[in-house]
Amino acid sequence: MTAPHEAGANAIAMLTRRLAVGEEEAFREFHAQYFDRLHQFLLVVARGQEHEAREALQETLLRVARHAREFDDEKTFWCWLRAVARNAARDAGRKRTRYRKLLETFAHFTRPALPTGPDADDDRLTAVIDECLAEFAPEDRALLHGKYLAGATVNELSAKEGLTAKAIESRLLRLRRELRERVLAKLRRS
C-alpha cells in the first residue's frame, strides 16, 4: 500500500513529467491546481496591485509552459513556481521602470523646443502628437490607442489582431520609435 505523501509525490512527478513534454491536458490540470495559489502569491509580490499581479501571472504561466521540468515532490515544485513567478514580476517591474525613464527622457529632450508657459507646453506637445498620429495607418493608430490609451495588454491585443504577442510587441516598438522621430522632427522645425 502506498503512503499518502508518496501518492502526492507520485502525482506531482507525473503532472510535472507531462508538463515537461508539453501535454495540453497536464497544463489544464496544472492551471486548475495552481492558478489561484499563484495569483494570491503574486498579489503579495505586487503589493496588492491587481493589474501587475495578473500581468506577472500570465508571464508565469507562459514560462511554466516553456520551461517545465519534472519534480519529485510538491514542495520543490512550489518553490520553483514561486521563483518563476517572482522573476516574472521583477522583469515586468524593470520593464515598466525602463518605459517610464524613456518617457521622462523624451519629455526632457522635447521641453526646450516647446513654447514657454505651463499650458502652452502641454497644448503644443499634444497638438504635435495628435498631428503625428494622424499620419499613421488606421490599424497602427488603433494598436497604439489600444495599448497606451485603452490600457489593453499585449496578450489582449494579440488575441484581437490574430498575431503572436511577440509580433505585437515588435509592432509597438517600431511604432513608438517612429512616433518619437516624427514628434522630434516637428518640434525642431517649429
Protein backbone atom coordinates (compact mmCIF):
# COMPACT_ATOMS: atom_id res chain seq x y z
CA MET A 1 0.00 0.00 0.00
CA THR A 2 1.25 3.50 -0.92
CA ALA A 3 1.59 6.11 1.83
CA PRO A 4 -0.38 9.36 1.28
CA HIS A 5 2.76 11.51 0.92
CA GLU A 6 4.13 9.05 -1.66
CA ALA A 7 0.87 9.22 -3.62
CA GLY A 8 1.10 13.03 -3.62
CA ALA A 9 4.72 12.92 -4.71
CA ASN A 10 3.86 10.46 -7.48
CA ALA A 11 1.04 12.74 -8.64
CA ILE A 12 3.38 15.77 -8.80
CA ALA A 13 6.06 13.75 -10.56
CA MET A 14 3.50 12.54 -13.10
CA LEU A 15 2.00 16.01 -13.59
CA THR A 16 5.36 17.73 -14.00
CA ARG A 17 6.61 14.98 -16.33
CA ARG A 18 3.53 15.52 -18.52
CA LEU A 19 4.02 19.30 -18.37
CA ALA A 20 7.64 18.92 -19.45
CA VAL A 21 6.64 17.06 -22.60
CA GLY A 22 4.02 19.68 -23.41
CA GLU A 23 0.85 17.71 -22.78
CA GLU A 24 -2.10 20.11 -23.02
CA GLU A 25 -4.27 18.23 -20.52
CA ALA A 26 -1.43 18.39 -17.98
CA PHE A 27 -1.33 22.17 -18.38
CA ARG A 28 -5.08 22.32 -17.75
CA GLU A 29 -4.63 20.28 -14.57
CA PHE A 30 -1.71 22.48 -13.51
CA HIS A 31 -3.81 25.60 -14.19
CA ALA A 32 -6.73 24.25 -12.15
CA GLN A 33 -4.48 23.36 -9.21
CA TYR A 34 -2.11 26.34 -9.13
CA PHE A 35 -3.74 29.36 -10.80
CA ASP A 36 -5.40 30.75 -7.65
CA ARG A 37 -2.41 29.96 -5.47
CA LEU A 38 -0.01 31.71 -7.86
CA HIS A 39 -2.38 34.65 -8.20
CA GLN A 40 -2.51 35.10 -4.42
CA PHE A 41 1.28 34.86 -4.21
CA LEU A 42 1.72 37.46 -6.96
CA LEU A 43 -0.78 39.82 -5.35
CA VAL A 44 1.52 39.86 -2.34
CA VAL A 45 4.60 40.35 -4.53
CA ALA A 46 2.82 43.18 -6.41
CA ARG A 47 1.73 44.77 -3.12
CA GLY A 48 -1.95 44.39 -3.95
CA GLN A 49 -1.74 45.83 -7.47
CA GLU A 50 -4.21 43.57 -9.28
CA HIS A 51 -3.17 44.57 -12.80
CA GLU A 52 0.53 43.98 -12.10
CA ALA A 53 -0.24 40.64 -10.43
CA ARG A 54 -2.33 39.50 -13.43
CA GLU A 55 0.38 40.53 -15.90
CA ALA A 56 3.02 38.66 -13.90
CA LEU A 57 0.70 35.65 -13.62
CA GLN A 58 0.27 35.48 -17.40
CA GLU A 59 4.03 35.67 -17.87
CA THR A 60 4.50 32.99 -15.19
CA LEU A 61 2.09 30.64 -16.98
CA LEU A 62 3.96 31.19 -20.25
CA ARG A 63 7.29 30.48 -18.59
CA VAL A 64 5.94 27.31 -16.96
CA ALA A 65 4.63 26.11 -20.33
CA ARG A 66 8.01 26.82 -21.97
CA HIS A 67 10.37 25.62 -19.25
CA ALA A 68 8.52 22.96 -17.27
CA ARG A 69 10.57 20.08 -15.98
CA GLU A 70 9.94 17.10 -13.77
CA PHE A 71 9.86 17.48 -9.98
CA ASP A 72 9.71 14.70 -7.41
CA ASP A 73 7.70 16.48 -4.74
CA GLU A 74 5.18 19.29 -4.37
CA LYS A 75 7.34 21.38 -2.03
CA THR A 76 10.20 21.61 -4.55
CA PHE A 77 7.76 22.25 -7.39
CA TRP A 78 6.07 25.08 -5.46
CA CYS A 79 9.47 26.64 -4.65
CA TRP A 80 10.33 26.58 -8.37
CA LEU A 81 6.93 28.09 -9.26
CA ARG A 82 7.41 30.88 -6.71
CA ALA A 83 10.85 31.67 -8.15
CA VAL A 84 9.45 31.75 -11.70
CA ALA A 85 6.56 33.98 -10.58
CA ARG A 86 8.78 36.34 -8.59
CA ASN A 87 11.16 36.69 -11.54
CA ALA A 88 8.25 37.37 -13.92
CA ALA A 89 7.01 40.12 -11.57
CA ARG A 90 10.50 41.64 -11.25
CA ASP A 91 11.05 41.57 -15.01
CA ALA A 92 7.72 43.34 -15.53
CA GLY A 93 8.66 45.94 -12.93
CA ARG A 94 12.00 46.56 -14.63
CA LYS A 95 10.23 46.89 -17.97
CA ARG A 96 7.80 49.46 -16.53
CA THR A 97 10.70 51.38 -14.97
CA ARG A 98 12.60 51.44 -18.28
CA TYR A 99 9.49 52.66 -20.08
CA ARG A 100 8.90 55.42 -17.51
CA LYS A 101 12.53 56.51 -17.84
CA LEU A 102 12.15 56.55 -21.62
CA LEU A 103 9.11 58.81 -21.32
CA GLU A 104 10.91 61.09 -18.87
CA THR A 105 13.91 61.31 -21.19
CA PHE A 106 11.67 62.01 -24.14
CA ALA A 107 9.86 64.74 -22.21
CA HIS A 108 13.18 66.23 -21.08
CA PHE A 109 14.59 66.48 -24.60
CA THR A 110 11.42 67.92 -26.09
CA ARG A 111 10.89 70.61 -23.42
CA PRO A 112 13.38 73.18 -24.78
CA ALA A 113 11.81 73.01 -28.26
CA LEU A 114 8.35 73.86 -26.94
CA PRO A 115 6.99 77.35 -26.36
CA THR A 116 7.22 78.54 -22.78
CA GLY A 117 4.33 78.69 -20.34
CA PRO A 118 2.64 75.88 -18.44
CA ASP A 119 -0.37 75.43 -20.71
CA ALA A 120 1.49 76.15 -23.93
CA ASP A 121 3.86 73.23 -23.31
CA ASP A 122 1.09 70.70 -22.90
CA ASP A 123 -1.04 72.13 -25.70
CA ARG A 124 1.81 72.22 -28.23
CA LEU A 125 3.04 68.71 -27.42
CA THR A 126 -0.50 67.31 -27.55
CA ALA A 127 -1.08 69.02 -30.90
CA VAL A 128 2.16 67.66 -32.35
CA ILE A 129 1.48 64.14 -31.09
CA ASP A 130 -2.07 64.24 -32.49
CA GLU A 131 -0.73 65.51 -35.82
CA CYS A 132 1.87 62.74 -35.97
CA LEU A 133 -0.62 60.05 -35.00
CA ALA A 134 -2.95 61.20 -37.79
CA GLU A 135 -0.17 60.34 -40.26
CA PHE A 136 -0.14 56.69 -39.16
CA ALA A 137 -2.17 53.98 -40.85
CA PRO A 138 -5.55 53.36 -39.13
CA GLU A 139 -4.51 49.90 -37.88
CA ASP A 140 -1.33 51.33 -36.35
CA ARG A 141 -3.28 54.14 -34.66
CA ALA A 142 -5.76 51.56 -33.32
CA LEU A 143 -2.91 49.45 -31.92
CA LEU A 144 -1.30 52.44 -30.19
CA HIS A 145 -4.66 53.59 -28.85
CA GLY A 146 -5.48 50.11 -27.55
CA LYS A 147 -2.18 49.74 -25.70
CA TYR A 148 -1.49 53.23 -24.40
CA LEU A 149 -4.89 54.88 -24.07
CA ALA A 150 -7.31 51.99 -23.53
CA GLY A 151 -4.80 50.06 -21.38
CA ALA A 152 -5.08 46.74 -23.22
CA THR A 153 -2.39 44.15 -22.54
CA VAL A 154 -0.16 42.75 -25.26
CA ASN A 155 -1.93 39.40 -24.87
CA GLU A 156 -5.33 41.03 -25.35
CA LEU A 157 -4.10 42.88 -28.43
CA SER A 158 -2.52 39.75 -29.89
CA ALA A 159 -5.79 37.85 -29.49
CA LYS A 160 -7.73 40.70 -31.10
CA GLU A 161 -5.29 41.09 -34.00
CA GLY A 162 -4.72 37.36 -34.51
CA LEU A 163 -0.96 37.79 -34.10
CA THR A 164 1.54 36.49 -31.59
CA ALA A 165 2.38 38.57 -28.54
CA LYS A 166 5.94 38.90 -29.86
CA ALA A 167 4.63 40.32 -33.15
CA ILE A 168 2.50 42.87 -31.29
CA GLU A 169 5.48 43.87 -29.10
CA SER A 170 7.62 44.33 -32.23
CA ARG A 171 4.97 46.47 -33.91
CA LEU A 172 4.55 48.60 -30.78
CA LEU A 173 8.31 49.10 -30.53
CA ARG A 174 8.50 50.15 -34.18
CA LEU A 175 5.51 52.49 -33.82
CA ARG A 176 6.90 54.12 -30.65
CA ARG A 177 10.23 54.78 -32.38
CA GLU A 178 8.52 56.16 -35.45
CA LEU A 179 6.24 58.38 -33.36
CA ARG A 180 9.19 59.69 -31.34
CA GLU A 181 11.15 60.53 -34.51
CA ARG A 182 8.18 62.29 -36.09
CA VAL A 183 7.38 64.29 -32.95
CA LEU A 184 11.00 65.37 -32.50
CA ALA A 185 11.30 66.36 -36.18
CA LYS A 186 8.15 68.51 -35.98
CA LEU A 187 9.22 70.11 -32.71
CA ARG A 188 12.63 71.01 -34.15
CA ARG A 189 11.00 72.66 -37.17
CA SER A 190 8.68 74.79 -35.08
